[in-house]
Amino acid sequence: MNIYTVAAIWMALALGASLISIRVGIAVALAEIDILDLAEYYLFHAVRADLLSSVGRNDEARGEYASALARTSNAAERAFMERARNALPA
């Protein structure tokens, strides 16, 4: 095995560890914000939607976007969240 092969293996392992770390971090963030009693605020639902979509839980993310949209009348914020919701994969 030459130095380039070792470097390539090391980089692949580092990338894999980083991706796992990001997913774990998002799961922890979801658990922590769920503890908060902020369900009446639209931003709570918007943040949850973004985090859920980051880990591929798109159906749940759509529901959170719907909850956020129901709690705000600001046209710019609504447009942003509608675009984000519509961009979620099926």
C-alpha atoms as a PDB file:
ATOM      1  CA  MET A   1       0.000   0.000   0.000  1.00  0.00           C
ATOM      2  CA  ASN A   2       1.457   3.377  -0.942  1.00  0.00           C
ATOM      3  CA  ILE A   3       1.007   6.698   0.813  1.00  0.00           C
ATOM      4  CA  TYR A   4      -1.715   7.812  -1.633  1.00  0.00           C
ATOM      5  CA  THR A   5      -3.833   4.750  -0.931  1.00  0.00           C
ATOM      6  CA  VAL A   6      -3.485   5.290   2.810  1.00  0.00           C
ATOM      7  CA  ALA A   7      -4.384   8.972   2.388  1.00  0.00           C
ATOM      8  CA  ALA A   8      -7.430   8.092   0.271  1.00  0.00           C
ATOM      9  CA  ILE A   9      -8.657   5.573   2.857  1.00  0.00           C
ATOM     10  CA  TRP A  10      -8.089   8.066   5.666  1.00  0.00           C
ATOM     11  CA  MET A  11     -10.008  10.784   3.795  1.00  0.00           C
ATOM     12  CA  ALA A  12     -12.923   8.408   3.100  1.00  0.00           C
ATOM     13  CA  LEU A  13     -13.103   7.430   6.762  1.00  0.00           C
ATOM     14  CA  ALA A  14     -12.931  11.078   7.859  1.00  0.00           C
ATOM     15  CA  LEU A  15     -15.749  12.002   5.474  1.00  0.00           C
ATOM     16  CA  GLY A  16     -17.879   9.122   6.719  1.00  0.00           C
ATOM     17  CA  ALA A  17     -17.287  10.133  10.328  1.00  0.00           C
ATOM     18  CA  SER A  18     -18.208  13.735   9.509  1.00  0.00           C
ATOM     19  CA  LEU A  19     -21.475  12.691   7.886  1.00  0.00           C
ATOM     20  CA  ILE A  20     -22.392  10.510  10.849  1.00  0.00           C
ATOM     21  CA  SER A  21     -21.522  13.357  13.202  1.00  0.00           C
ATOM     22  CA  ILE A  22     -23.786  15.758  11.307  1.00  0.00           C
ATOM     23  CA  ARG A  23     -26.719  13.330  11.430  1.00  0.00           C
ATOM     24  CA  VAL A  24     -26.219  12.689  15.134  1.00  0.00           C
ATOM     25  CA  GLY A  25     -25.945  16.426  15.751  1.00  0.00           C
ATOM     26  CA  ILE A  26     -29.229  17.083  13.965  1.00  0.00           C
ATOM     27  CA  ALA A  27     -30.961  14.306  15.905  1.00  0.00           C
ATOM     28  CA  VAL A  28     -29.693  15.835  19.160  1.00  0.00           C
ATOM     29  CA  ALA A  29     -30.867  19.283  18.069  1.00  0.00           C
ATOM     30  CA  LEU A  30     -34.340  17.905  17.330  1.00  0.00           C
ATOM     31  CA  ALA A  31     -34.520  16.253  20.732  1.00  0.00           C
ATOM     32  CA  GLU A  32     -33.404  19.435  22.460  1.00  0.00           C
ATOM     33  CA  ILE A  33     -35.872  21.759  20.758  1.00  0.00           C
ATOM     34  CA  ASP A  34     -38.710  19.299  21.359  1.00  0.00           C
ATOM     35  CA  ILE A  35     -38.184  19.892  25.082  1.00  0.00           C
ATOM     36  CA  LEU A  36     -39.002  23.575  24.624  1.00  0.00           C
ATOM     37  CA  ASP A  37     -42.588  24.679  25.025  1.00  0.00           C
ATOM     38  CA  LEU A  38     -42.731  26.803  21.874  1.00  0.00           C
ATOM     39  CA  ALA A  39     -45.321  25.017  19.755  1.00  0.00           C
ATOM     40  CA  GLU A  40     -47.412  28.172  19.349  1.00  0.00           C
ATOM     41  CA  TYR A  41     -44.561  29.983  17.552  1.00  0.00           C
ATOM     42  CA  TYR A  42     -44.221  29.521  13.816  1.00  0.00           C
ATOM     43  CA  LEU A  43     -40.415  29.658  13.909  1.00  0.00           C
ATOM     44  CA  PHE A  44     -40.354  26.611  16.184  1.00  0.00           C
ATOM     45  CA  HIS A  45     -42.122  24.632  13.466  1.00  0.00           C
ATOM     46  CA  ALA A  46     -39.997  26.133  10.683  1.00  0.00           C
ATOM     47  CA  VAL A  47     -36.786  25.117  12.466  1.00  0.00           C
ATOM     48  CA  ARG A  48     -38.120  21.616  13.109  1.00  0.00           C
ATOM     49  CA  ALA A  49     -39.090  21.340   9.431  1.00  0.00           C
ATOM     50  CA  ASP A  50     -35.594  22.311   8.332  1.00  0.00           C
ATOM     51  CA  LEU A  51     -33.925  19.870  10.722  1.00  0.00           C
ATOM     52  CA  LEU A  52     -36.291  17.047   9.776  1.00  0.00           C
ATOM     53  CA  SER A  53     -35.659  17.603   6.077  1.00  0.00           C
ATOM     54  CA  SER A  54     -31.913  17.520   6.739  1.00  0.00           C
ATOM     55  CA  VAL A  55     -32.190  13.933   7.962  1.00  0.00           C
ATOM     56  CA  GLY A  56     -34.613  12.836   5.243  1.00  0.00           C
ATOM     57  CA  ARG A  57     -37.795  12.850   7.325  1.00  0.00           C
ATOM     58  CA  ASN A  58     -39.625  14.750   4.600  1.00  0.00           C
ATOM     59  CA  ASP A  59     -43.211  13.813   5.446  1.00  0.00           C
ATOM     60  CA  GLU A  60     -42.735  15.101   8.985  1.00  0.00           C
ATOM     61  CA  ALA A  61     -41.016  18.199   7.606  1.00  0.00           C
ATOM     62  CA  ARG A  62     -44.039  18.926   5.396  1.00  0.00           C
ATOM     63  CA  GLY A  63     -46.290  18.721   8.447  1.00  0.00           C
ATOM     64  CA  GLU A  64     -44.065  21.128  10.361  1.00  0.00           C
ATOM     65  CA  TYR A  65     -44.049  23.562   7.439  1.00  0.00           C
ATOM     66  CA  ALA A  66     -47.847  23.376   7.400  1.00  0.00           C
ATOM     67  CA  SER A  67     -47.909  24.164  11.132  1.00  0.00           C
ATOM     68  CA  ALA A  68     -45.543  27.084  10.640  1.00  0.00           C
ATOM     69  CA  LEU A  69     -47.555  28.443   7.713  1.00  0.00           C
ATOM     70  CA  ALA A  70     -50.738  28.278   9.770  1.00  0.00           C
ATOM     71  CA  ARG A  71     -49.132  30.499  12.416  1.00  0.00           C
ATOM     72  CA  THR A  72     -47.810  33.368  10.304  1.00  0.00           C
ATOM     73  CA  SER A  73     -49.345  35.881   7.936  1.00  0.00           C
ATOM     74  CA  ASN A  74     -46.101  37.530   6.780  1.00  0.00           C
ATOM     75  CA  ALA A  75     -46.088  37.156   2.997  1.00  0.00           C
ATOM     76  CA  ALA A  76     -42.303  36.940   2.630  1.00  0.00           C
ATOM     77  CA  GLU A  77     -41.954  34.301   5.339  1.00  0.00           C
ATOM     78  CA  ARG A  78     -44.868  32.340   3.938  1.00  0.00           C
ATOM     79  CA  ALA A  79     -43.331  32.404   0.445  1.00  0.00           C
ATOM     80  CA  PHE A  80     -39.975  31.216   1.800  1.00  0.00           C
ATOM     81  CA  MET A  81     -41.529  28.329   3.735  1.00  0.00           C
ATOM     82  CA  GLU A  82     -43.786  27.336   0.839  1.00  0.00           C
ATOM     83  CA  ARG A  83     -40.758  27.176  -1.464  1.00  0.00           C
ATOM     84  CA  ALA A  84     -38.866  25.072   1.077  1.00  0.00           C
ATOM     85  CA  ARG A  85     -41.838  22.739   1.543  1.00  0.00           C
ATOM     86  CA  ASN A  86     -42.382  22.395  -2.212  1.00  0.00           C
ATOM     87  CA  ALA A  87     -38.683  21.610  -2.726  1.00  0.00           C
ATOM     88  CA  LEU A  88     -38.828  18.560  -0.432  1.00  0.00           C
ATOM     89  CA  PRO A  89     -38.374  15.267  -2.279  1.00  0.00           C
ATOM     90  CA  ALA A  90     -41.396  13.007  -2.464  1.00  0.00           C
END
